[in-house]
């Protein structure tokens, strides 16, 4: 969800706080919510 919101703001219009801030914020949010505990098809 974080990536979707950040990318939409960059693609559709200039983010209010700038692309650099949006990118840094996205990195922080993705680091805080690592992709652990997810399952992929065919992986057990």
PDB file of N, CA and C in Angstrom:
ATOM      1  N   UNK A   1       0.825  -1.179   0.000  1.00  0.00           N
ATOM      2  CA  UNK A   1       0.000   0.000   0.000  1.00  0.00           C
ATOM      3  C   UNK A   1       0.878   1.256   0.000  1.00  0.00           C
ATOM      4  N   UNK A   2       1.965   1.228   0.764  1.00  0.00           N
ATOM      5  CA  UNK A   2       2.861   2.396   0.796  1.00  0.00           C
ATOM      6  C   UNK A   2       3.423   2.686  -0.595  1.00  0.00           C
ATOM      7  N   UNK A   3       3.859   1.631  -1.273  1.00  0.00           N
ATOM      8  CA  UNK A   3       4.439   1.808  -2.604  1.00  0.00           C
ATOM      9  C   UNK A   3       3.398   2.345  -3.584  1.00  0.00           C
ATOM     10  N   UNK A   4       2.198   1.822  -3.496  1.00  0.00           N
ATOM     11  CA  UNK A   4       1.133   2.258  -4.403  1.00  0.00           C
ATOM     12  C   UNK A   4       0.833   3.750  -4.236  1.00  0.00           C
ATOM     13  N   UNK A   5       0.717   4.193  -3.008  1.00  0.00           N
ATOM     14  CA  UNK A   5       0.412   5.605  -2.740  1.00  0.00           C
ATOM     15  C   UNK A   5       1.553   6.502  -3.203  1.00  0.00           C
ATOM     16  N   UNK A   6       2.784   6.120  -2.876  1.00  0.00           N
ATOM     17  CA  UNK A   6       3.941   6.939  -3.256  1.00  0.00           C
ATOM     18  C   UNK A   6       4.085   7.011  -4.768  1.00  0.00           C
ATOM     19  N   UNK A   7       3.958   5.873  -5.438  1.00  0.00           N
ATOM     20  CA  UNK A   7       4.102   5.878  -6.889  1.00  0.00           C
ATOM     21  C   UNK A   7       2.994   6.663  -7.577  1.00  0.00           C
ATOM     22  N   UNK A   8       1.776   6.546  -7.061  1.00  0.00           N
ATOM     23  CA  UNK A   8       0.669   7.306  -7.657  1.00  0.00           C
ATOM     24  C   UNK A   8       0.927   8.806  -7.543  1.00  0.00           C
ATOM     25  N   UNK A   9       1.415   9.253  -6.396  1.00  0.00           N
ATOM     26  CA  UNK A   9       1.642  10.692  -6.227  1.00  0.00           C
ATOM     27  C   UNK A   9       2.756  11.188  -7.136  1.00  0.00           C
ATOM     28  N   UNK A  10       3.745  10.345  -7.409  1.00  0.00           N
ATOM     29  CA  UNK A  10       4.843  10.747  -8.283  1.00  0.00           C
ATOM     30  C   UNK A  10       4.402  10.738  -9.745  1.00  0.00           C
ATOM     31  N   UNK A  11       3.640   9.730 -10.143  1.00  0.00           N
ATOM     32  CA  UNK A  11       3.244   9.587 -11.542  1.00  0.00           C
ATOM     33  C   UNK A  11       2.145  10.570 -11.929  1.00  0.00           C
ATOM     34  N   UNK A  12       1.138  10.722 -11.084  1.00  0.00           N
ATOM     35  CA  UNK A  12      -0.013  11.551 -11.442  1.00  0.00           C
ATOM     36  C   UNK A  12       0.253  13.047 -11.304  1.00  0.00           C
ATOM     37  N   UNK A  13       1.022  13.422 -10.320  1.00  0.00           N
ATOM     38  CA  UNK A  13       1.340  14.833 -10.135  1.00  0.00           C
ATOM     39  C   UNK A  13       2.554  14.942  -9.232  1.00  0.00           C
ATOM     40  N   UNK A  14       3.080  16.124  -9.116  1.00  0.00           N
ATOM     41  CA  UNK A  14       4.241  16.349  -8.251  1.00  0.00           C
ATOM     42  C   UNK A  14       3.833  16.163  -6.795  1.00  0.00           C
ATOM     43  N   UNK A  15       4.532  15.270  -6.061  1.00  0.00           N
ATOM     44  CA  UNK A  15       4.186  15.093  -4.651  1.00  0.00           C
ATOM     45  C   UNK A  15       4.375  16.399  -3.880  1.00  0.00           C
ATOM     46  N   UNK A  16       3.534  16.655  -2.896  1.00  0.00           N
ATOM     47  CA  UNK A  16       3.596  17.926  -2.161  1.00  0.00           C
ATOM     48  C   UNK A  16       4.955  18.188  -1.505  1.00  0.00           C
ATOM     49  N   UNK A  17       5.623  17.127  -1.067  1.00  0.00           N
ATOM     50  CA  UNK A  17       6.910  17.303  -0.395  1.00  0.00           C
ATOM     51  C   UNK A  17       8.090  16.961  -1.290  1.00  0.00           C
ATOM     52  N   UNK A  18       7.847  16.676  -2.546  1.00  0.00           N
ATOM     53  CA  UNK A  18       8.915  16.406  -3.502  1.00  0.00           C
ATOM     54  C   UNK A  18       9.185  14.917  -3.679  1.00  0.00           C
ATOM     55  N   UNK A  19       9.797  14.588  -4.798  1.00  0.00           N
ATOM     56  CA  UNK A  19      10.089  13.199  -5.126  1.00  0.00           C
ATOM     57  C   UNK A  19      11.134  12.618  -4.163  1.00  0.00           C
ATOM     58  N   UNK A  20      12.134  13.395  -3.817  1.00  0.00           N
ATOM     59  CA  UNK A  20      13.183  12.884  -2.923  1.00  0.00           C
ATOM     60  C   UNK A  20      12.609  12.521  -1.553  1.00  0.00           C
ATOM     61  N   UNK A  21      11.774  13.375  -0.999  1.00  0.00           N
ATOM     62  CA  UNK A  21      11.178  13.084   0.299  1.00  0.00           C
ATOM     63  C   UNK A  21      10.279  11.859   0.205  1.00  0.00           C
ATOM     64  N   UNK A  22       9.474  11.783  -0.853  1.00  0.00           N
ATOM     65  CA  UNK A  22       8.565  10.660  -1.034  1.00  0.00           C
ATOM     66  C   UNK A  22       9.338   9.356  -1.151  1.00  0.00           C
ATOM     67  N   UNK A  23      10.444   9.361  -1.882  1.00  0.00           N
ATOM     68  CA  UNK A  23      11.275   8.170  -2.030  1.00  0.00           C
ATOM     69  C   UNK A  23      11.882   7.758  -0.692  1.00  0.00           C
ATOM     70  N   UNK A  24      12.396   8.700   0.058  1.00  0.00           N
ATOM     71  CA  UNK A  24      12.984   8.399   1.366  1.00  0.00           C
ATOM     72  C   UNK A  24      11.924   7.835   2.317  1.00  0.00           C
ATOM     73  N   UNK A  25      10.754   8.432   2.311  1.00  0.00           N
ATOM     74  CA  UNK A  25       9.673   7.958   3.167  1.00  0.00           C
ATOM     75  C   UNK A  25       9.256   6.541   2.783  1.00  0.00           C
ATOM     76  N   UNK A  26       9.155   6.280   1.489  1.00  0.00           N
ATOM     77  CA  UNK A  26       8.796   4.946   1.016  1.00  0.00           C
ATOM     78  C   UNK A  26       9.831   3.921   1.466  1.00  0.00           C
ATOM     79  N   UNK A  27      11.093   4.240   1.345  1.00  0.00           N
ATOM     80  CA  UNK A  27      12.158   3.327   1.801  1.00  0.00           C
ATOM     81  C   UNK A  27      12.024   3.031   3.287  1.00  0.00           C
ATOM     82  N   UNK A  28      11.775   4.047   4.080  1.00  0.00           N
ATOM     83  CA  UNK A  28      11.621   3.854   5.525  1.00  0.00           C
ATOM     84  C   UNK A  28      10.438   2.941   5.842  1.00  0.00           C
ATOM     85  N   UNK A  29       9.324   3.178   5.168  1.00  0.00           N
ATOM     86  CA  UNK A  29       8.123   2.380   5.426  1.00  0.00           C
ATOM     87  C   UNK A  29       8.312   0.931   4.997  1.00  0.00           C
ATOM     88  N   UNK A  30       8.950   0.708   3.864  1.00  0.00           N
ATOM     89  CA  UNK A  30       9.184  -0.655   3.393  1.00  0.00           C
ATOM     90  C   UNK A  30      10.177  -1.387   4.294  1.00  0.00           C
ATOM     91  N   UNK A  31      11.154  -0.682   4.835  1.00  0.00           N
ATOM     92  CA  UNK A  31      12.107  -1.295   5.757  1.00  0.00           C
ATOM     93  C   UNK A  31      11.432  -1.658   7.079  1.00  0.00           C
ATOM     94  N   UNK A  32      10.455  -0.867   7.483  1.00  0.00           N
ATOM     95  CA  UNK A  32       9.755  -1.114   8.743  1.00  0.00           C
ATOM     96  C   UNK A  32       8.771  -2.275   8.636  1.00  0.00           C
ATOM     97  N   UNK A  33       8.386  -2.619   7.420  1.00  0.00           N
ATOM     98  CA  UNK A  33       7.437  -3.719   7.213  1.00  0.00           C
ATOM     99  C   UNK A  33       8.027  -4.717   6.226  1.00  0.00           C
ATOM    100  N   UNK A  34       9.014  -5.515   6.669  1.00  0.00           N
ATOM    101  CA  UNK A  34       9.662  -6.459   5.762  1.00  0.00           C
ATOM    102  C   UNK A  34       8.691  -7.546   5.298  1.00  0.00           C
ATOM    103  N   UNK A  35       8.997  -8.105   4.175  1.00  0.00           N
ATOM    104  CA  UNK A  35       8.136  -9.132   3.575  1.00  0.00           C
ATOM    105  C   UNK A  35       8.428 -10.502   4.181  1.00  0.00           C
ATOM    106  N   UNK A  36       8.189 -10.641   5.467  1.00  0.00           N
ATOM    107  CA  UNK A  36       8.361 -11.932   6.121  1.00  0.00           C
ATOM    108  C   UNK A  36       6.989 -12.459   6.495  1.00  0.00           C
ATOM    109  N   UNK A  37       6.868 -13.771   6.489  1.00  0.00           N
ATOM    110  CA  UNK A  37       5.605 -14.373   6.846  1.00  0.00           C
ATOM    111  C   UNK A  37       4.639 -14.515   5.686  1.00  0.00           C
ATOM    112  N   UNK A  38       5.040 -14.031   4.512  1.00  0.00           N
ATOM    113  CA  UNK A  38       4.193 -14.169   3.335  1.00  0.00           C
ATOM    114  C   UNK A  38       4.487 -15.500   2.666  1.00  0.00           C
ATOM    115  N   UNK A  39       3.503 -16.043   2.012  1.00  0.00           N
ATOM    116  CA  UNK A  39       3.686 -17.295   1.278  1.00  0.00           C
ATOM    117  C   UNK A  39       3.460 -17.049  -0.206  1.00  0.00           C
ATOM    118  N   UNK A  40       4.255 -17.737  -1.009  1.00  0.00           N
ATOM    119  CA  UNK A  40       4.082 -17.691  -2.454  1.00  0.00           C
ATOM    120  C   UNK A  40       3.532 -19.034  -2.899  1.00  0.00           C
ATOM    121  N   UNK A  41       2.846 -19.049  -3.996  1.00  0.00           N
ATOM    122  CA  UNK A  41       2.318 -20.290  -4.527  1.00  0.00           C
ATOM    123  C   UNK A  41       3.452 -21.248  -4.817  1.00  0.00           C
ATOM    124  N   UNK A  42       3.276 -22.480  -4.440  1.00  0.00           N
ATOM    125  CA  UNK A  42       4.273 -23.512  -4.713  1.00  0.00           C
ATOM    126  C   UNK A  42       5.411 -23.551  -3.716  1.00  0.00           C
ATOM    127  N   UNK A  43       5.410 -22.666  -2.757  1.00  0.00           N
ATOM    128  CA  UNK A  43       6.452 -22.621  -1.724  1.00  0.00           C
ATOM    129  C   UNK A  43       5.824 -23.007  -0.404  1.00  0.00           C
ATOM    130  N   UNK A  44       6.455 -23.945   0.291  1.00  0.00           N
ATOM    131  CA  UNK A  44       5.882 -24.374   1.569  1.00  0.00           C
ATOM    132  C   UNK A  44       6.804 -24.130   2.723  1.00  0.00           C
TER     133      UNK A  44
END
